[in-house]
C-alpha atoms as a PDB file:
ATOM      1  CA  UNK A   1     -19.624 -12.961  -0.534  1.00  0.00           C
ATOM      2  CA  UNK A   2     -17.610 -10.520  -2.605  1.00  0.00           C
ATOM      3  CA  UNK A   3     -14.766 -11.006  -5.056  1.00  0.00           C
ATOM      4  CA  UNK A   4     -11.359 -10.061  -3.659  1.00  0.00           C
ATOM      5  CA  UNK A   5      -7.733 -10.659  -4.596  1.00  0.00           C
ATOM      6  CA  UNK A   6      -5.547 -12.574  -2.151  1.00  0.00           C
ATOM      7  CA  UNK A   7      -1.797 -13.179  -2.215  1.00  0.00           C
ATOM      8  CA  UNK A   8      -0.654 -16.773  -1.902  1.00  0.00           C
ATOM      9  CA  UNK A   9       2.880 -17.418  -0.624  1.00  0.00           C
ATOM     10  CA  UNK A  10       4.551 -20.348  -2.422  1.00  0.00           C
ATOM     11  CA  UNK A  11       7.937 -21.945  -2.792  1.00  0.00           C
ATOM     12  CA  UNK A  12       9.942 -20.031  -5.377  1.00  0.00           C
ATOM     13  CA  UNK A  13       9.780 -21.785  -8.723  1.00  0.00           C
ATOM     14  CA  UNK A  14       6.515 -23.592  -7.933  1.00  0.00           C
ATOM     15  CA  UNK A  15       4.199 -20.730  -8.960  1.00  0.00           C
ATOM     16  CA  UNK A  16       3.269 -22.049 -12.422  1.00  0.00           C
ATOM     17  CA  UNK A  17       2.828 -25.606 -11.148  1.00  0.00           C
ATOM     18  CA  UNK A  18       0.517 -24.392  -8.368  1.00  0.00           C
ATOM     19  CA  UNK A  19      -1.448 -22.263 -10.868  1.00  0.00           C
ATOM     20  CA  UNK A  20      -2.019 -25.371 -13.018  1.00  0.00           C
ATOM     21  CA  UNK A  21      -3.013 -27.427  -9.960  1.00  0.00           C
ATOM     22  CA  UNK A  22      -5.564 -24.828  -8.821  1.00  0.00           C
ATOM     23  CA  UNK A  23      -6.982 -24.553 -12.360  1.00  0.00           C
ATOM     24  CA  UNK A  24      -7.340 -28.354 -12.549  1.00  0.00           C
ATOM     25  CA  UNK A  25      -9.133 -28.357  -9.168  1.00  0.00           C
ATOM     26  CA  UNK A  26     -11.539 -25.752 -10.554  1.00  0.00           C
ATOM     27  CA  UNK A  27     -12.188 -27.881 -13.662  1.00  0.00           C
ATOM     28  CA  UNK A  28     -12.913 -30.965 -11.542  1.00  0.00           C
ATOM     29  CA  UNK A  29     -15.212 -29.216  -9.064  1.00  0.00           C
ATOM     30  CA  UNK A  30     -17.621 -26.756 -10.733  1.00  0.00           C
ATOM     31  CA  UNK A  31     -18.742 -25.445  -7.324  1.00  0.00           C
ATOM     32  CA  UNK A  32     -15.150 -24.344  -6.732  1.00  0.00           C
ATOM     33  CA  UNK A  33     -15.194 -22.334  -9.973  1.00  0.00           C
ATOM     34  CA  UNK A  34     -17.779 -20.010  -8.405  1.00  0.00           C
ATOM     35  CA  UNK A  35     -15.482 -19.422  -5.423  1.00  0.00           C
ATOM     36  CA  UNK A  36     -12.053 -19.253  -7.123  1.00  0.00           C
ATOM     37  CA  UNK A  37     -12.532 -16.997 -10.132  1.00  0.00           C
ATOM     38  CA  UNK A  38      -8.940 -16.293 -11.238  1.00  0.00           C
ATOM     39  CA  UNK A  39      -5.338 -17.294 -10.545  1.00  0.00           C
ATOM     40  CA  UNK A  40      -2.337 -15.301 -11.793  1.00  0.00           C
ATOM     41  CA  UNK A  41       1.422 -15.545 -11.485  1.00  0.00           C
ATOM     42  CA  UNK A  42       2.704 -11.939 -11.645  1.00  0.00           C
ATOM     43  CA  UNK A  43       5.192 -11.680 -14.518  1.00  0.00           C
ATOM     44  CA  UNK A  44       6.455  -8.720 -16.513  1.00  0.00           C
ATOM     45  CA  UNK A  45       7.918  -8.407 -19.991  1.00  0.00           C
ATOM     46  CA  UNK A  46      11.664  -7.785 -20.002  1.00  0.00           C
ATOM     47  CA  UNK A  47      13.798  -6.791 -22.991  1.00  0.00           C
ATOM     48  CA  UNK A  48      17.341  -8.109 -23.058  1.00  0.00           C
ATOM     49  CA  UNK A  49      19.931  -7.224 -25.679  1.00  0.00           C
ATOM     50  CA  UNK A  50      22.457  -9.956 -26.472  1.00  0.00           C
ATOM     51  CA  UNK A  51      24.779 -10.031 -29.455  1.00  0.00           C
ATOM     52  CA  UNK A  52      23.010  -7.000 -30.891  1.00  0.00           C
ATOM     53  CA  UNK A  53      19.582  -8.678 -30.885  1.00  0.00           C
ATOM     54  CA  UNK A  54      16.599  -7.741 -28.762  1.00  0.00           C
ATOM     55  CA  UNK A  55      14.972 -10.604 -26.920  1.00  0.00           C
ATOM     56  CA  UNK A  56      11.662 -10.305 -25.122  1.00  0.00           C
ATOM     57  CA  UNK A  57      11.193 -12.589 -22.147  1.00  0.00           C
ATOM     58  CA  UNK A  58       8.988 -12.792 -19.099  1.00  0.00           C
ATOM     59  CA  UNK A  59      10.295 -12.521 -15.553  1.00  0.00           C
ATOM     60  CA  UNK A  60       8.438 -13.112 -12.309  1.00  0.00           C
ATOM     61  CA  UNK A  61       8.534  -9.843 -10.418  1.00  0.00           C
ATOM     62  CA  UNK A  62       7.193 -11.407  -7.210  1.00  0.00           C
ATOM     63  CA  UNK A  63       8.955 -14.797  -7.059  1.00  0.00           C
ATOM     64  CA  UNK A  64       7.347 -16.989  -4.441  1.00  0.00           C
ATOM     65  CA  UNK A  65       3.975 -15.230  -4.618  1.00  0.00           C
ATOM     66  CA  UNK A  66       0.874 -15.437  -6.764  1.00  0.00           C
ATOM     67  CA  UNK A  67      -2.509 -13.718  -6.936  1.00  0.00           C
ATOM     68  CA  UNK A  68      -5.769 -15.563  -6.465  1.00  0.00           C
ATOM     69  CA  UNK A  69      -9.218 -13.991  -6.861  1.00  0.00           C
ATOM     70  CA  UNK A  70     -11.910 -15.574  -4.714  1.00  0.00           C
ATOM     71  CA  UNK A  71     -15.477 -15.188  -3.505  1.00  0.00           C
ATOM     72  CA  UNK A  72     -14.823 -16.640  -0.054  1.00  0.00           C
ATOM     73  CA  UNK A  73     -18.024 -17.767   1.677  1.00  0.00           C
ATOM     74  CA  UNK A  74     -18.463 -16.791   5.318  1.00  0.00           C
ATOM     75  CA  UNK A  75     -19.093 -20.361   6.465  1.00  0.00           C
ATOM     76  CA  UNK A  76     -16.990 -22.686   4.289  1.00  0.00           C
ATOM     77  CA  UNK A  77     -13.868 -20.513   3.924  1.00  0.00           C
ATOM     78  CA  UNK A  78     -11.795 -22.785   6.158  1.00  0.00           C
ATOM     79  CA  UNK A  79     -12.372 -25.873   3.999  1.00  0.00           C
ATOM     80  CA  UNK A  80     -11.560 -24.015   0.759  1.00  0.00           C
ATOM     81  CA  UNK A  81      -8.432 -22.327   2.120  1.00  0.00           C
ATOM     82  CA  UNK A  82      -7.284 -25.608   3.639  1.00  0.00           C
ATOM     83  CA  UNK A  83      -7.571 -27.375   0.272  1.00  0.00           C
ATOM     84  CA  UNK A  84      -5.450 -24.631  -1.317  1.00  0.00           C
ATOM     85  CA  UNK A  85      -2.858 -24.741   1.486  1.00  0.00           C
ATOM     86  CA  UNK A  86      -2.508 -28.522   1.050  1.00  0.00           C
ATOM     87  CA  UNK A  87      -1.231 -28.138  -2.528  1.00  0.00           C
ATOM     88  CA  UNK A  88       2.443 -29.056  -2.666  1.00  0.00           C
ATOM     89  CA  UNK A  89       4.543 -25.875  -2.727  1.00  0.00           C
ATOM     90  CA  UNK A  90       1.974 -23.601  -1.058  1.00  0.00           C
ATOM     91  CA  UNK A  91       3.176 -21.992   2.180  1.00  0.00           C
ATOM     92  CA  UNK A  92       0.142 -19.902   3.209  1.00  0.00           C
ATOM     93  CA  UNK A  93      -1.942 -16.857   2.449  1.00  0.00           C
ATOM     94  CA  UNK A  94      -0.012 -13.651   3.098  1.00  0.00           C
ATOM     95  CA  UNK A  95      -0.816 -11.866   6.344  1.00  0.00           C
ATOM     96  CA  UNK A  96      -2.705 -14.639   8.149  1.00  0.00           C
ATOM     97  CA  UNK A  97      -2.216 -17.772  10.190  1.00  0.00           C
ATOM     98  CA  UNK A  98      -3.595 -21.115   9.007  1.00  0.00           C
ATOM     99  CA  UNK A  99      -6.570 -20.892  11.388  1.00  0.00           C
ATOM    100  CA  UNK A 100      -7.569 -17.367  10.255  1.00  0.00           C
ATOM    101  CA  UNK A 101      -9.592 -16.298   7.259  1.00  0.00           C
ATOM    102  CA  UNK A 102      -7.217 -14.795   4.661  1.00  0.00           C
ATOM    103  CA  UNK A 103      -7.227 -11.026   4.336  1.00  0.00           C
ATOM    104  CA  UNK A 104      -7.636  -9.642   0.822  1.00  0.00           C
ATOM    105  CA  UNK A 105      -5.436  -6.941  -0.639  1.00  0.00           C
ATOM    106  CA  UNK A 106      -7.028  -3.641  -1.547  1.00  0.00           C
ATOM    107  CA  UNK A 107      -8.460  -3.046  -5.017  1.00  0.00           C
ATOM    108  CA  UNK A 108      -5.793  -0.393  -5.651  1.00  0.00           C
ATOM    109  CA  UNK A 109      -2.987  -2.825  -4.732  1.00  0.00           C
ATOM    110  CA  UNK A 110      -4.468  -5.507  -6.973  1.00  0.00           C
ATOM    111  CA  UNK A 111      -4.776  -3.030  -9.838  1.00  0.00           C
ATOM    112  CA  UNK A 112      -1.116  -2.000  -9.524  1.00  0.00           C
ATOM    113  CA  UNK A 113       0.073  -5.625  -9.516  1.00  0.00           C
ATOM    114  CA  UNK A 114      -2.135  -6.596 -12.451  1.00  0.00           C
ATOM    115  CA  UNK A 115      -1.045  -3.539 -14.461  1.00  0.00           C
ATOM    116  CA  UNK A 116       2.613  -4.269 -13.822  1.00  0.00           C
ATOM    117  CA  UNK A 117       2.111  -7.825 -15.056  1.00  0.00           C
ATOM    118  CA  UNK A 118       0.159  -6.539 -18.107  1.00  0.00           C
ATOM    119  CA  UNK A 119      -2.938  -8.536 -17.088  1.00  0.00           C
ATOM    120  CA  UNK A 120      -4.977  -5.337 -17.459  1.00  0.00           C
ATOM    121  CA  UNK A 121      -4.316  -2.476 -19.909  1.00  0.00           C
ATOM    122  CA  UNK A 122      -2.005   0.293 -18.900  1.00  0.00           C
ATOM    123  CA  UNK A 123       0.537   2.621 -20.455  1.00  0.00           C
ATOM    124  CA  UNK A 124       3.621   0.837 -19.099  1.00  0.00           C
ATOM    125  CA  UNK A 125       6.354  -0.207 -21.468  1.00  0.00           C
ATOM    126  CA  UNK A 126       8.421  -3.318 -21.159  1.00  0.00           C
ATOM    127  CA  UNK A 127      11.272  -3.120 -18.688  1.00  0.00           C
ATOM    128  CA  UNK A 128      14.906  -3.542 -19.664  1.00  0.00           C
ATOM    129  CA  UNK A 129      16.885  -6.389 -18.192  1.00  0.00           C
ATOM    130  CA  UNK A 130      20.142  -4.480 -18.721  1.00  0.00           C
ATOM    131  CA  UNK A 131      20.945  -1.562 -16.487  1.00  0.00           C
ATOM    132  CA  UNK A 132      23.292   1.227 -17.416  1.00  0.00           C
ATOM    133  CA  UNK A 133      25.317   3.642 -15.321  1.00  0.00           C
ATOM    134  CA  UNK A 134      26.986   6.968 -16.018  1.00  0.00           C
ATOM    135  CA  UNK A 135      30.579   6.563 -17.205  1.00  0.00           C
ATOM    136  CA  UNK A 136      29.989   3.120 -18.690  1.00  0.00           C
ATOM    137  CA  UNK A 137      31.304   2.253 -22.177  1.00  0.00           C
ATOM    138  CA  UNK A 138      28.611   1.268 -24.735  1.00  0.00           C
ATOM    139  CA  UNK A 139      28.367   0.494 -28.423  1.00  0.00           C
ATOM    140  CA  UNK A 140      25.539   1.906 -30.553  1.00  0.00           C
ATOM    141  CA  UNK A 141      23.974  -1.006 -32.456  1.00  0.00           C
ATOM    142  CA  UNK A 142      21.113   0.750 -34.227  1.00  0.00           C
ATOM    143  CA  UNK A 143      20.321   4.097 -35.812  1.00  0.00           C
ATOM    144  CA  UNK A 144      22.397   6.814 -37.467  1.00  0.00           C
ATOM    145  CA  UNK A 145      25.442   6.215 -35.264  1.00  0.00           C
ATOM    146  CA  UNK A 146      25.598   2.416 -35.633  1.00  0.00           C
ATOM    147  CA  UNK A 147      28.989   0.916 -34.616  1.00  0.00           C
ATOM    148  CA  UNK A 148      30.122   4.051 -32.745  1.00  0.00           C
ATOM    149  CA  UNK A 149      31.313   3.528 -29.179  1.00  0.00           C
ATOM    150  CA  UNK A 150      31.114   6.040 -26.403  1.00  0.00           C
ATOM    151  CA  UNK A 151      30.695   6.803 -22.740  1.00  0.00           C
ATOM    152  CA  UNK A 152      27.323   7.325 -21.063  1.00  0.00           C
ATOM    153  CA  UNK A 153      27.009  10.909 -19.848  1.00  0.00           C
ATOM    154  CA  UNK A 154      23.341  10.976 -18.789  1.00  0.00           C
ATOM    155  CA  UNK A 155      20.495   8.475 -18.302  1.00  0.00           C
ATOM    156  CA  UNK A 156      16.806   9.417 -18.670  1.00  0.00           C
ATOM    157  CA  UNK A 157      14.742   6.387 -17.588  1.00  0.00           C
ATOM    158  CA  UNK A 158      11.381   8.149 -18.046  1.00  0.00           C
ATOM    159  CA  UNK A 159      12.061   8.569 -21.755  1.00  0.00           C
ATOM    160  CA  UNK A 160      14.324   5.469 -22.093  1.00  0.00           C
ATOM    161  CA  UNK A 161      17.095   7.662 -23.524  1.00  0.00           C
ATOM    162  CA  UNK A 162      20.850   7.838 -23.017  1.00  0.00           C
ATOM    163  CA  UNK A 163      23.178  10.740 -23.778  1.00  0.00           C
ATOM    164  CA  UNK A 164      26.448   9.259 -24.990  1.00  0.00           C
ATOM    165  CA  UNK A 165      29.719  11.068 -25.708  1.00  0.00           C
ATOM    166  CA  UNK A 166      31.121   9.682 -28.980  1.00  0.00           C
ATOM    167  CA  UNK A 167      34.138  10.595 -31.086  1.00  0.00           C
ATOM    168  CA  UNK A 168      33.101  12.008 -34.487  1.00  0.00           C
ATOM    169  CA  UNK A 169      35.672  13.454 -36.912  1.00  0.00           C
ATOM    170  CA  UNK A 170      38.320  13.697 -34.214  1.00  0.00           C
ATOM    171  CA  UNK A 171      36.044  15.539 -31.754  1.00  0.00           C
ATOM    172  CA  UNK A 172      33.748  14.407 -28.987  1.00  0.00           C
ATOM    173  CA  UNK A 173      30.050  15.087 -29.365  1.00  0.00           C
ATOM    174  CA  UNK A 174      26.972  14.194 -27.294  1.00  0.00           C
ATOM    175  CA  UNK A 175      24.479  11.895 -29.004  1.00  0.00           C
ATOM    176  CA  UNK A 176      21.036  11.025 -27.621  1.00  0.00           C
ATOM    177  CA  UNK A 177      19.888   7.466 -28.366  1.00  0.00           C
ATOM    178  CA  UNK A 178      17.197   5.093 -27.197  1.00  0.00           C
ATOM    179  CA  UNK A 179      18.256   2.581 -24.536  1.00  0.00           C
ATOM    180  CA  UNK A 180      17.366  -0.260 -26.922  1.00  0.00           C
ATOM    181  CA  UNK A 181      19.863   1.070 -29.474  1.00  0.00           C
ATOM    182  CA  UNK A 182      22.961   0.348 -27.367  1.00  0.00           C
ATOM    183  CA  UNK A 183      24.704  -2.580 -25.755  1.00  0.00           C
ATOM    184  CA  UNK A 184      27.357  -2.689 -23.059  1.00  0.00           C
ATOM    185  CA  UNK A 185      30.971  -3.230 -23.956  1.00  0.00           C
ATOM    186  CA  UNK A 186      32.276  -5.979 -21.723  1.00  0.00           C
END
């Protein structure tokens, strides 16, 4: 028996409910807590700018899927997996039929998913809900050029920066600002 991460396919929108159900099953049956060691719904932090205010929210980046860490025994795996599959909203384990032992994902794949959902430390920043495109009109809402409007000339997603052409003193000039310092003009 070794700990591995498995992906559980669920109905979209049922992920949190299924996570709670699995955690309550673990609390009721202490023997199950040795087998199922962790359950996670993969979410990521998303920044949205509305009315000039930044709002941090969480968004499921794999809707309809969740991660489950288990020490599946060689003999009783069928009974355990069957009890998980019987939870309302669960479709199956990804990559297997109901009569097969689930296949775990690799450690590298699990690490990437857990880092993206900030369940383990990494250097990733929060993702923006708004997307920008070259030629789009924006208003600067923060910084030295607050209340200026301009057109996006260049987007640098690695640095989260925008180069915007604004009108200053009757001339156009490029200004580099952080993505969080602008909002779209609708």
